[in-house]
Protein backbone atom coordinates (compact mmCIF):
# COMPACT_ATOMS: atom_id res chain seq x y z
CA MET A 1 -26.74 9.68 -8.34
CA HIS A 2 -23.96 11.90 -6.98
CA PRO A 3 -21.86 13.89 -9.47
CA ALA A 4 -18.33 12.48 -9.46
CA PRO A 5 -15.54 14.66 -8.05
CA PRO A 6 -12.73 15.57 -10.50
CA LEU A 7 -10.93 12.40 -9.52
CA SER A 8 -9.14 9.56 -11.34
CA GLY A 9 -9.17 6.22 -9.55
CA ILE A 10 -5.97 4.24 -10.15
CA VAL A 11 -5.30 0.55 -9.50
CA VAL A 12 -2.17 -1.46 -10.36
CA THR A 13 -2.95 -5.16 -10.73
CA PHE A 14 -1.60 -8.66 -11.28
CA ASN A 15 -3.89 -11.68 -10.89
CA GLU A 16 -6.46 -10.00 -8.66
CA ALA A 17 -9.64 -11.50 -10.13
CA ASP A 18 -10.95 -12.55 -6.70
CA ARG A 19 -10.92 -9.05 -5.22
CA ILE A 20 -10.74 -6.45 -8.00
CA GLU A 21 -14.53 -6.01 -8.21
CA ARG A 22 -14.85 -4.66 -4.67
CA CYS A 23 -12.03 -2.19 -5.26
CA ILE A 24 -13.26 -0.89 -8.62
CA THR A 25 -16.88 -0.69 -7.51
CA SER A 26 -15.90 1.57 -4.61
CA LEU A 27 -13.82 3.77 -6.92
CA ARG A 28 -16.56 4.04 -9.53
CA ALA A 29 -18.82 5.47 -6.83
CA VAL A 30 -16.57 8.51 -6.33
CA CYS A 31 -14.33 8.86 -9.41
CA ALA A 32 -14.88 10.40 -12.81
CA GLU A 33 -12.76 7.60 -14.28
CA VAL A 34 -11.06 4.41 -13.13
CA ILE A 35 -7.79 3.26 -14.71
CA VAL A 36 -6.35 -0.22 -14.16
CA VAL A 37 -2.73 -0.86 -15.16
CA ASP A 38 -2.21 -4.60 -15.36
CA SER A 39 1.12 -6.42 -15.62
CA GLY A 40 0.10 -9.63 -17.35
CA SER A 41 -2.73 -11.18 -15.35
CA THR A 42 -3.83 -14.63 -16.46
CA ASP A 43 -6.87 -15.05 -14.19
CA GLY A 44 -9.39 -12.71 -15.81
CA THR A 45 -8.49 -9.57 -13.86
CA ARG A 46 -8.39 -7.39 -16.97
CA GLU A 47 -11.70 -8.69 -18.29
CA ILE A 48 -13.45 -8.14 -14.95
CA ALA A 49 -12.04 -4.62 -14.66
CA ALA A 50 -13.14 -3.72 -18.19
CA ALA A 51 -16.63 -5.13 -17.59
CA LEU A 52 -16.92 -2.90 -14.52
CA GLY A 53 -16.20 0.18 -16.63
CA ALA A 54 -12.50 0.67 -15.93
CA ARG A 55 -10.03 1.68 -18.60
CA VAL A 56 -7.50 -1.17 -18.70
CA VAL A 57 -3.91 -0.61 -19.80
CA GLU A 58 -1.41 -3.45 -20.14
CA GLN A 59 2.15 -2.76 -18.93
CA PRO A 60 4.87 -5.32 -18.11
CA TRP A 61 6.03 -4.93 -14.53
CA LEU A 62 8.37 -1.96 -13.98
CA GLY A 63 8.68 -2.16 -10.20
CA PHE A 64 6.30 -0.79 -7.58
CA ALA A 65 7.09 2.91 -7.85
CA ARG A 66 7.55 3.08 -11.63
CA GLN A 67 4.38 1.09 -12.31
CA LYS A 68 2.35 3.42 -10.11
CA ASN A 69 3.93 6.52 -11.64
CA LEU A 70 3.05 5.31 -15.11
CA ALA A 71 -0.52 4.72 -13.98
CA ILE A 72 -0.73 8.22 -12.50
CA SER A 73 0.54 9.71 -15.75
CA LEU A 74 -2.57 8.30 -17.50
CA ALA A 75 -4.99 10.22 -15.29
CA THR A 76 -7.13 12.84 -17.03
CA GLN A 77 -8.53 14.37 -13.83
CA PRO A 78 -6.73 16.92 -11.59
CA TRP A 79 -6.88 14.62 -8.54
CA VAL A 80 -5.93 10.96 -8.16
CA LEU A 81 -7.08 8.32 -5.68
CA LEU A 82 -4.76 5.30 -5.79
CA LEU A 83 -5.87 2.02 -4.26
CA ASP A 84 -4.32 -1.43 -4.32
CA ALA A 85 -6.60 -4.21 -5.51
CA ASP A 86 -7.02 -5.45 -1.92
CA GLU A 87 -8.24 -2.03 -0.73
CA TRP A 88 -11.62 -0.32 -0.97
CA LEU A 89 -13.79 2.45 0.43
CA GLU A 90 -16.96 1.69 2.35
CA ALA A 91 -20.07 3.83 1.76
CA ASP A 92 -19.32 6.17 4.68
CA ALA A 93 -15.80 6.79 3.36
CA GLN A 94 -17.19 7.47 -0.11
CA GLN A 95 -19.53 10.10 1.34
CA ALA A 96 -16.70 11.62 3.40
CA LEU A 97 -14.63 11.91 0.22
CA ARG A 98 -17.43 13.73 -1.60
CA THR A 99 -17.79 16.05 1.38
CA LEU A 100 -14.06 16.77 1.32
CA PHE A 101 -14.20 17.79 -2.33
CA GLY A 102 -17.10 20.12 -1.58
CA SER A 103 -15.51 21.66 1.50
CA GLY A 104 -12.87 23.87 -0.10
CA ARG A 105 -10.09 22.26 1.98
CA LEU A 106 -8.42 20.88 -1.11
CA ASP A 107 -7.76 24.36 -2.47
CA ALA A 108 -4.80 24.55 -0.07
CA ALA A 109 -3.58 20.95 -0.47
CA ASP A 110 -1.61 18.79 -2.88
CA MET A 111 -1.83 15.51 -0.96
CA VAL A 112 -4.25 14.09 1.58
CA ARG A 113 -3.36 11.45 4.15
CA LEU A 114 -6.16 8.94 4.54
CA ARG A 115 -6.52 6.35 7.27
CA ARG A 116 -6.08 2.68 6.40
CA ARG A 117 -7.44 -0.20 8.48
CA THR A 118 -6.05 -3.69 7.89
CA ARG A 119 -7.95 -6.96 8.03
CA PHE A 120 -6.06 -10.25 8.27
CA LEU A 121 -7.88 -13.50 7.48
CA GLY A 122 -11.11 -12.26 9.05
CA THR A 123 -9.58 -10.30 11.92
CA VAL A 124 -10.11 -6.53 11.83
CA MET A 125 -7.31 -4.51 13.39
CA HIS A 126 -8.56 -2.01 15.96
CA HIS A 127 -5.18 -1.50 17.63
CA GLY A 128 -1.53 -1.52 16.62
CA SER A 129 0.18 0.24 13.74
CA PHE A 130 -2.13 -1.28 11.13
CA ALA A 131 -5.43 -0.10 12.59
CA ARG A 132 -5.25 3.52 11.46
CA GLU A 133 -2.18 4.01 9.30
CA ARG A 134 -1.83 7.47 7.82
CA ILE A 135 -1.06 7.12 4.14
CA GLU A 136 -0.97 9.57 1.22
CA ARG A 137 -3.34 8.11 -1.37
CA LEU A 138 -5.33 11.14 -2.50
CA PHE A 139 -3.21 13.65 -4.39
CA ARG A 140 -2.96 16.04 -7.31
CA ALA A 141 -2.04 14.39 -10.59
CA HIS A 142 1.39 16.04 -10.76
CA CYS A 143 2.60 14.06 -7.73
CA ARG A 144 4.80 10.99 -8.12
CA TYR A 145 6.20 8.12 -6.07
CA GLU A 146 9.84 8.12 -5.02
CA ALA A 147 12.04 5.59 -6.81
CA LEU A 148 12.18 2.95 -4.06
CA ALA A 149 12.26 -0.80 -4.64
CA VAL A 150 9.80 -1.56 -1.82
CA HIS A 151 7.51 0.34 0.58
CA GLU A 152 7.28 3.05 -2.03
CA HIS A 153 5.69 6.33 -1.03
CA LEU A 154 4.83 9.64 -2.60
CA ASP A 155 7.48 12.33 -2.71
CA THR A 156 6.05 14.88 -0.27
CA ARG A 157 8.86 17.42 -0.65
CA GLY A 158 7.41 20.82 -1.47
CA GLN A 159 3.86 19.50 -1.36
CA ARG A 160 1.06 20.74 0.89
CA VAL A 161 -0.13 17.71 2.88
CA ILE A 162 -3.30 17.60 4.98
CA ASP A 163 -5.08 14.86 6.94
CA ALA A 164 -8.63 13.64 6.42
CA ALA A 165 -10.77 11.27 8.48
CA ILE A 166 -11.50 9.06 5.48
CA ARG A 167 -10.82 5.38 6.06
CA MET A 168 -9.61 2.88 3.48
CA GLU A 169 -10.18 -0.80 4.17
CA HIS A 170 -7.34 -3.24 3.46
CA ASP A 171 -7.85 -7.01 3.26
CA THR A 172 -4.19 -7.88 3.22
CA ALA A 173 -3.93 -11.66 2.75
CA ARG A 174 -5.56 -14.64 1.11
CA SER A 175 -3.66 -17.04 3.39
CA ALA A 176 -0.89 -16.88 5.99
CA ASP A 177 1.50 -18.75 3.69
CA GLU A 178 0.87 -16.39 0.79
CA TYR A 179 1.32 -13.38 3.06
CA TRP A 180 4.60 -14.67 4.48
CA ALA A 181 5.90 -15.32 0.97
CA LYS A 182 5.07 -11.71 0.08
CA LEU A 183 6.83 -10.39 3.17
CA GLN A 184 9.91 -12.46 2.34
CA GLY A 185 9.95 -10.89 -1.11
CA TYR A 186 9.73 -7.44 0.46
CA ALA A 187 12.62 -8.32 2.78
CA ARG A 188 14.83 -9.21 -0.18
CA LEU A 189 13.93 -6.02 -2.02
CA TRP A 190 14.57 -3.95 1.13
CA ALA A 191 17.98 -5.57 1.62
CA ASP A 192 18.94 -4.98 -2.01
CA GLU A 193 18.06 -1.32 -1.67
CA ARG A 194 19.84 -0.79 1.65
CA LEU A 195 23.01 -2.59 0.59
CA ALA A 196 24.50 0.38 -1.26
CA ARG A 197 24.44 2.59 1.86
CA THR A 198 25.12 0.08 4.64
CA ARG A 199 28.54 -1.17 5.74
CA ARG A 200 27.59 -3.55 8.54
CA VAL A 201 24.70 -4.99 10.52
CA PRO A 202 25.53 -5.05 14.25
CA PRO A 203 25.19 -8.43 16.00
CA GLY A 204 21.69 -8.90 17.33
CA ARG A 205 20.20 -6.17 15.12
CA ALA A 206 17.78 -8.56 13.42
CA SER A 207 16.45 -10.00 16.68
CA LEU A 208 16.19 -6.53 18.18
CA ALA A 209 14.11 -5.35 15.21
CA GLY A 210 11.65 -8.20 15.71
CA LEU A 211 11.38 -7.62 19.44
CA ALA A 212 10.92 -3.87 18.99
CA TYR A 213 8.10 -4.48 16.53
CA LEU A 214 6.26 -6.76 18.98
CA LEU A 215 6.69 -4.39 21.92
CA LYS A 216 5.42 -1.47 19.86
CA ASN A 217 2.42 -3.16 18.29
CA LEU A 218 1.28 -5.70 20.88
CA LEU A 219 1.96 -3.72 24.05
CA LEU A 220 2.41 0.00 23.43
CA ARG A 221 -0.26 0.14 20.74
CA ARG A 222 -2.40 -2.55 22.40
CA GLY A 223 -2.51 -5.03 19.54
CA LEU A 224 -2.99 -7.80 22.10
CA LEU A 225 -6.59 -6.63 22.46
CA ASP A 226 -7.39 -7.66 18.88
CA GLY A 227 -7.09 -11.36 19.70
CA PRO A 228 -5.34 -14.42 18.24
CA GLY A 229 -5.85 -13.50 14.58
CA ALA A 230 -4.03 -10.23 15.12
CA TRP A 231 -1.30 -11.94 17.15
CA ARG A 232 -0.60 -14.19 14.17
CA PHE A 233 -0.45 -11.16 11.87
CA HIS A 234 1.98 -9.31 14.15
CA ALA A 235 4.10 -12.44 14.55
CA LEU A 236 4.54 -12.53 10.77
CA HIS A 237 5.55 -8.87 10.73
CA ALA A 238 8.03 -9.45 13.54
CA ARG A 239 9.53 -12.28 11.46
CA TYR A 240 9.65 -9.85 8.54
CA ALA A 241 11.54 -7.30 10.64
CA VAL A 242 14.08 -10.00 11.47
CA ALA A 243 14.26 -11.25 7.88
CA LYS A 244 15.12 -7.81 6.50
CA TYR A 245 18.30 -7.52 8.53
CA ARG A 246 19.26 -11.15 7.99
CA GLU A 247 18.93 -10.67 4.24
CA LEU A 248 21.02 -7.50 4.43
CA ARG A 249 23.68 -9.16 6.57
CA ALA A 250 23.89 -12.09 4.13
CA ARG A 251 24.46 -9.69 1.25
CA LEU A 252 27.18 -7.86 3.15
CA VAL A 253 28.92 -11.14 3.97
CA ARG A 254 28.79 -12.25 0.33
CA GLY A 255 30.17 -8.89 -0.77
CA PHE A 256 33.00 -9.08 1.76
CA SER A 257 33.83 -12.65 0.76
CA SER A 258 33.98 -11.71 -2.91
CA GLY A 259 36.09 -8.64 -2.22
CA VAL A 260 33.43 -6.18 -3.40
């Protein structure tokens, strides 16, 4: 049995009973504690998490950034590893994390960018933007997320950030329909956030965003090589890129019509 690093594992949940076990089990292997902050699950998520040894805290939904910041504030260890319920660490990543804590590299760091590999309905991404995303998920407990409505990220200002070759796995969707519904929700949140600082959306901007996404991920980053499952995934993200600007344009039109 390996001694646990001085690390709090954090997970924010809502109705994740079908995948929370994999996430928590991987955290328990490397963390001194695991904390789950749940926003009203009705499918047994909280009970499963507690049975696996996690400390479960109930908190009505505050928004992505605020919910995660509250969860971080509960950590008792000097370092935090934050995973979503659909993410986990394989055994080799767990060992790499232990090695990192024993290496002395963290003495000169406040945040560590890990690599994240996405899987979509059985297809593993080896190419494209979602094959090896760099994402700050290992950090000192004083760090917090910026107050963004969607695509929240840690505030890196003034923090010492390093990279590590530790890979998180991300099983992003239960079905294509569910995933598209989630992306549509993100598009609405993105448009709401951008509205205050945007005056107009140029004609064709939405279509251009979708085309740029496909060129970048299917051609430049060779996502075509991952096969039909990946093509479907990237098609959904191209639709999402279009939807963001269409949602924003619709809000601007409504505001103009109402005289706001």
